N, C-alpha and C. Protein backbone atom coordinates (compact mmCIF):
# COMPACT_ATOMS: atom_id res chain seq x y z
N UNK A 1 47.42 95.96 30.58
CA UNK A 1 48.97 95.78 31.22
C UNK A 1 49.45 94.92 30.49
N UNK A 2 50.67 94.83 29.93
CA UNK A 2 51.42 94.01 29.41
C UNK A 2 52.37 92.90 29.91
N UNK A 3 52.92 92.11 29.33
CA UNK A 3 53.65 91.40 30.23
C UNK A 3 55.15 91.83 30.23
N UNK A 4 55.93 91.72 31.13
CA UNK A 4 56.92 92.57 31.57
C UNK A 4 57.99 91.88 30.60
N UNK A 5 57.80 90.59 30.34
CA UNK A 5 59.03 90.47 29.30
C UNK A 5 58.60 90.77 28.31
N UNK A 6 57.41 90.74 27.44
CA UNK A 6 56.95 91.68 26.10
C UNK A 6 57.48 92.85 26.03
N UNK A 7 57.16 93.53 27.19
CA UNK A 7 57.52 95.04 27.42
C UNK A 7 58.93 95.39 27.65
N UNK A 8 59.62 94.56 27.85
CA UNK A 8 61.51 94.48 28.27
C UNK A 8 61.98 94.15 26.52
N UNK A 9 61.28 93.44 25.84
CA UNK A 9 61.79 93.03 24.37
C UNK A 9 61.53 94.06 23.46
N UNK A 10 60.03 94.99 23.98
CA UNK A 10 59.97 96.09 23.30
C UNK A 10 61.08 96.93 23.30
N UNK A 11 61.11 97.40 24.26
CA UNK A 11 62.27 98.37 24.89
C UNK A 11 63.56 98.08 24.19
N UNK A 12 64.15 96.83 24.23
CA UNK A 12 65.42 96.62 23.49
C UNK A 12 65.51 96.79 22.27
N UNK A 13 64.03 96.46 21.33
CA UNK A 13 64.05 96.63 19.85
C UNK A 13 63.97 98.16 19.62
N UNK A 14 63.54 98.98 20.41
CA UNK A 14 63.58 100.21 20.24
C UNK A 14 64.80 101.17 20.42
N UNK A 15 65.52 100.54 21.18
CA UNK A 15 66.92 101.24 21.63
C UNK A 15 68.26 100.96 20.18
N UNK A 16 68.03 99.74 20.07
CA UNK A 16 69.05 99.36 18.63
C UNK A 16 70.50 99.19 19.15
N UNK A 17 71.43 98.60 18.40
CA UNK A 17 72.55 98.03 18.75
C UNK A 17 73.63 99.31 19.35
N UNK A 18 74.46 98.87 20.22
CA UNK A 18 75.59 99.67 20.37
C UNK A 18 76.26 99.89 19.10
N UNK A 19 77.00 101.20 19.28
CA UNK A 19 77.91 101.12 17.97
C UNK A 19 79.46 100.23 18.02
N UNK A 20 79.80 99.75 19.36
CA UNK A 20 80.78 98.91 19.55
C UNK A 20 80.38 97.67 18.58
N UNK A 21 79.11 97.35 18.61
CA UNK A 21 78.92 95.82 17.85
C UNK A 21 79.40 96.04 16.18
N UNK A 22 79.61 97.44 15.61
CA UNK A 22 79.52 97.35 14.29
C UNK A 22 80.40 96.90 13.71
N UNK A 23 81.86 96.70 13.93
CA UNK A 23 82.87 96.02 13.35
C UNK A 23 83.39 94.78 14.09
N UNK A 24 82.49 94.05 14.73
CA UNK A 24 82.53 93.11 15.57
C UNK A 24 82.96 92.08 14.58
N UNK A 25 82.42 91.63 13.80
CA UNK A 25 82.25 90.42 12.81
C UNK A 25 84.13 90.58 12.47
N UNK A 26 84.37 91.90 11.75
CA UNK A 26 85.53 92.03 11.07
C UNK A 26 86.56 91.61 12.13
N UNK A 27 86.56 92.26 13.28
CA UNK A 27 87.35 92.10 14.34
C UNK A 27 87.98 90.65 14.57
N UNK A 28 86.75 90.05 14.85
CA UNK A 28 86.87 88.26 14.97
C UNK A 28 87.31 87.71 13.77
N UNK A 29 87.05 88.15 12.74
CA UNK A 29 87.57 87.52 11.58
C UNK A 29 89.09 87.90 11.39
N UNK A 30 89.81 88.84 11.57
CA UNK A 30 90.91 89.35 11.76
C UNK A 30 91.71 88.49 12.36
N UNK A 31 91.06 88.63 14.00
CA UNK A 31 91.98 87.84 14.95
C UNK A 31 92.20 86.40 14.79
N UNK A 32 90.91 85.78 14.23
CA UNK A 32 91.19 84.31 13.67
C UNK A 32 91.64 84.12 12.63
N UNK A 33 91.83 85.10 11.67
CA UNK A 33 93.08 84.59 10.26
C UNK A 33 94.39 85.13 10.33
N UNK A 34 94.52 85.97 11.15
CA UNK A 34 95.49 86.90 11.51
C UNK A 34 96.67 85.38 11.74
N UNK A 35 98.13 85.79 11.21
CA UNK A 35 99.14 84.71 11.84
C UNK A 35 99.76 85.29 13.24
N UNK A 36 100.38 84.18 14.24
CA UNK A 36 100.39 84.30 15.34
C UNK A 36 101.81 85.33 15.49
N UNK A 37 101.70 86.48 16.04
CA UNK A 37 102.99 87.33 16.04
C UNK A 37 103.64 86.72 16.78
N UNK A 38 105.01 86.38 15.87
CA UNK A 38 106.26 85.98 16.63
C UNK A 38 106.37 84.55 16.82
N UNK A 39 105.64 84.14 16.86
CA UNK A 39 105.18 82.69 17.35
C UNK A 39 105.78 82.22 18.72
N UNK A 40 106.00 83.18 19.49
CA UNK A 40 106.23 82.83 20.83
C UNK A 40 104.84 82.52 21.80
N UNK A 41 104.09 83.24 21.64
CA UNK A 41 102.61 82.69 22.35
C UNK A 41 102.10 81.06 22.13
N UNK A 42 102.50 80.73 20.47
CA UNK A 42 102.35 79.22 20.02
C UNK A 42 103.79 78.85 20.82
N UNK A 43 104.68 78.76 21.08
CA UNK A 43 105.48 77.84 21.73
C UNK A 43 104.91 77.90 23.40
N UNK A 44 104.52 78.88 23.82
CA UNK A 44 103.95 78.90 25.35
C UNK A 44 102.99 77.94 25.80
N UNK A 45 101.84 77.84 24.33
CA UNK A 45 101.07 77.46 24.40
C UNK A 45 101.12 75.99 24.33
N UNK A 46 102.09 75.68 23.48
CA UNK A 46 102.86 74.05 23.66
C UNK A 46 103.62 73.38 24.63
N UNK A 47 104.01 74.37 25.38
CA UNK A 47 104.69 73.89 26.50
C UNK A 47 103.76 73.81 27.51
N UNK A 48 102.57 74.57 27.77
CA UNK A 48 101.58 74.16 28.46
C UNK A 48 101.14 73.08 28.56
N UNK A 49 100.42 73.18 27.17
CA UNK A 49 100.04 71.64 26.94
C UNK A 49 100.81 70.37 27.17
N UNK A 50 102.30 70.70 27.23
CA UNK A 50 103.04 69.02 27.54
C UNK A 50 102.97 69.18 28.90
N UNK A 51 103.04 70.17 29.89
CA UNK A 51 103.18 70.20 31.22
C UNK A 51 102.01 69.46 31.56
N UNK A 52 100.69 70.19 31.17
CA UNK A 52 99.51 69.50 31.40
C UNK A 52 99.39 68.06 31.34
N UNK A 53 99.71 67.79 30.26
CA UNK A 53 99.80 66.29 29.67
C UNK A 53 100.70 65.27 30.79
N UNK A 54 101.46 66.23 30.99
CA UNK A 54 102.83 65.11 32.11
C UNK A 54 101.80 64.88 33.15
N UNK A 55 101.44 66.15 33.59
CA UNK A 55 100.61 66.49 35.16
C UNK A 55 99.70 64.89 35.30
N UNK A 56 99.20 64.73 33.86
CA UNK A 56 97.92 64.21 33.91
C UNK A 56 98.21 62.72 33.97
N UNK A 57 99.18 62.49 33.23
CA UNK A 57 99.87 61.20 33.36
C UNK A 57 100.27 60.78 34.32
N UNK A 58 101.01 61.60 35.11
CA UNK A 58 101.76 61.17 36.52
C UNK A 58 100.44 61.19 37.56
N UNK A 59 99.27 61.72 37.22
CA UNK A 59 98.34 62.10 38.49
C UNK A 59 97.15 60.58 38.40
N UNK A 60 97.47 60.57 37.06
CA UNK A 60 96.63 59.05 36.49
C UNK A 60 97.37 58.20 37.25
N UNK A 61 98.82 58.01 36.97
CA UNK A 61 99.53 56.86 37.78
C UNK A 61 99.57 56.78 39.12
N UNK A 62 99.33 57.62 39.34
CA UNK A 62 99.12 57.49 41.35
C UNK A 62 97.70 57.26 41.57
N UNK A 63 96.74 57.49 40.94
CA UNK A 63 95.08 57.02 41.21
C UNK A 63 95.39 55.67 40.47
N UNK A 64 95.78 55.15 39.88
CA UNK A 64 95.67 53.93 39.34
C UNK A 64 96.39 53.05 40.20
N UNK A 65 97.75 53.41 40.68
CA UNK A 65 98.44 52.56 42.07
C UNK A 65 97.70 52.68 43.04
N UNK A 66 96.81 53.66 43.39
CA UNK A 66 95.83 53.71 44.63
C UNK A 66 94.90 52.60 44.60
N UNK A 67 94.24 52.63 43.65
CA UNK A 67 93.04 51.70 43.18
C UNK A 67 93.77 50.31 43.25
N UNK A 68 94.68 49.96 42.56
CA UNK A 68 95.12 48.26 42.66
C UNK A 68 96.07 48.12 43.88
N UNK A 69 96.59 48.97 44.56
CA UNK A 69 96.67 48.62 46.05
C UNK A 69 95.60 48.04 47.02
N UNK A 70 94.51 49.08 46.73
CA UNK A 70 93.01 48.47 46.98
C UNK A 70 92.29 47.26 46.77
N UNK A 71 92.77 46.98 45.61
CA UNK A 71 92.19 45.45 45.18
C UNK A 71 93.17 44.43 45.56
N UNK A 72 94.50 44.53 46.05
CA UNK A 72 95.23 43.65 46.64
C UNK A 72 94.69 43.18 47.82
N UNK A 73 95.06 41.63 48.21
CA UNK A 73 94.59 41.16 49.42
C UNK A 73 95.41 41.41 50.37
N UNK A 74 94.80 41.33 51.48
CA UNK A 74 95.63 42.18 52.59
C UNK A 74 96.79 41.15 52.90
N UNK A 75 97.88 41.68 54.04
CA UNK A 75 98.84 40.78 54.08
C UNK A 75 98.66 39.61 55.08
N UNK A 76 97.44 39.72 55.81
CA UNK A 76 96.95 38.42 56.46
C UNK A 76 96.63 37.14 55.89
N UNK A 77 95.85 37.72 54.54
CA UNK A 77 95.38 36.54 54.03
C UNK A 77 96.67 35.73 53.62
N UNK A 78 97.57 36.31 53.00
CA UNK A 78 99.11 36.16 52.15
C UNK A 78 99.68 35.30 53.48
N UNK A 79 99.83 35.67 54.63
CA UNK A 79 100.21 35.21 55.65
C UNK A 79 99.74 33.67 55.82
N UNK A 80 98.42 33.87 55.91
CA UNK A 80 97.59 32.50 56.28
C UNK A 80 98.01 31.43 55.26
N UNK A 81 98.14 31.76 54.09
CA UNK A 81 98.33 30.88 53.24
C UNK A 81 99.84 30.04 53.28
N UNK A 82 100.79 31.15 53.38
CA UNK A 82 102.02 30.41 53.85
C UNK A 82 102.27 29.45 55.22
N UNK A 83 100.92 29.23 55.98
CA UNK A 83 101.31 28.50 56.98
C UNK A 83 101.56 28.74 57.99
N UNK A 84 101.85 30.27 58.34
CA UNK A 84 102.58 30.94 59.43
C UNK A 84 101.63 30.46 60.78
N UNK A 85 102.02 30.17 61.99
CA UNK A 85 101.37 29.97 63.15
C UNK A 85 100.50 31.68 63.54
N UNK A 86 99.36 31.73 64.21
CA UNK A 86 98.48 32.59 64.13
C UNK A 86 99.54 33.92 65.38
N UNK A 87 99.97 33.17 66.34
CA UNK A 87 100.99 34.39 67.34
C UNK A 87 101.91 34.79 66.26
N UNK A 88 102.75 34.42 65.36
CA UNK A 88 103.46 35.18 64.34
C UNK A 88 102.87 36.20 64.08
N UNK A 89 101.30 36.28 63.50
CA UNK A 89 100.27 37.20 62.77
C UNK A 89 99.87 37.71 63.98
N UNK A 90 100.06 37.86 65.17
CA UNK A 90 99.82 38.75 66.18
C UNK A 90 100.83 39.81 66.65
N UNK A 91 102.15 39.28 66.40
CA UNK A 91 103.26 40.14 66.35
C UNK A 91 103.55 41.04 65.26
N UNK A 92 103.07 40.53 64.14
CA UNK A 92 103.05 41.71 62.95
C UNK A 92 104.43 41.52 62.39
N UNK A 93 104.99 39.92 62.08
CA UNK A 93 105.96 39.55 61.65
C UNK A 93 105.94 38.66 60.54
């Protein structure tokens, strides 16, 4: 009895490659080396990149502001440093 892995590898070796792979290298080389048709797809990619960059900057600013807000001291501590009476703090003024 042979190992199932070895049996499957032997079966794959006997079958050979599909004909669809015959000119795969040539098709990929043409697609990579070929010029962009009309330039319109390239403009779309540039616009998508700029929009993504803008959303990233805006989202990063929101996150940074939230982090900075967490690091700020609470208002109560600032009010105590100003010498306000405790009753004023309870009223929220």
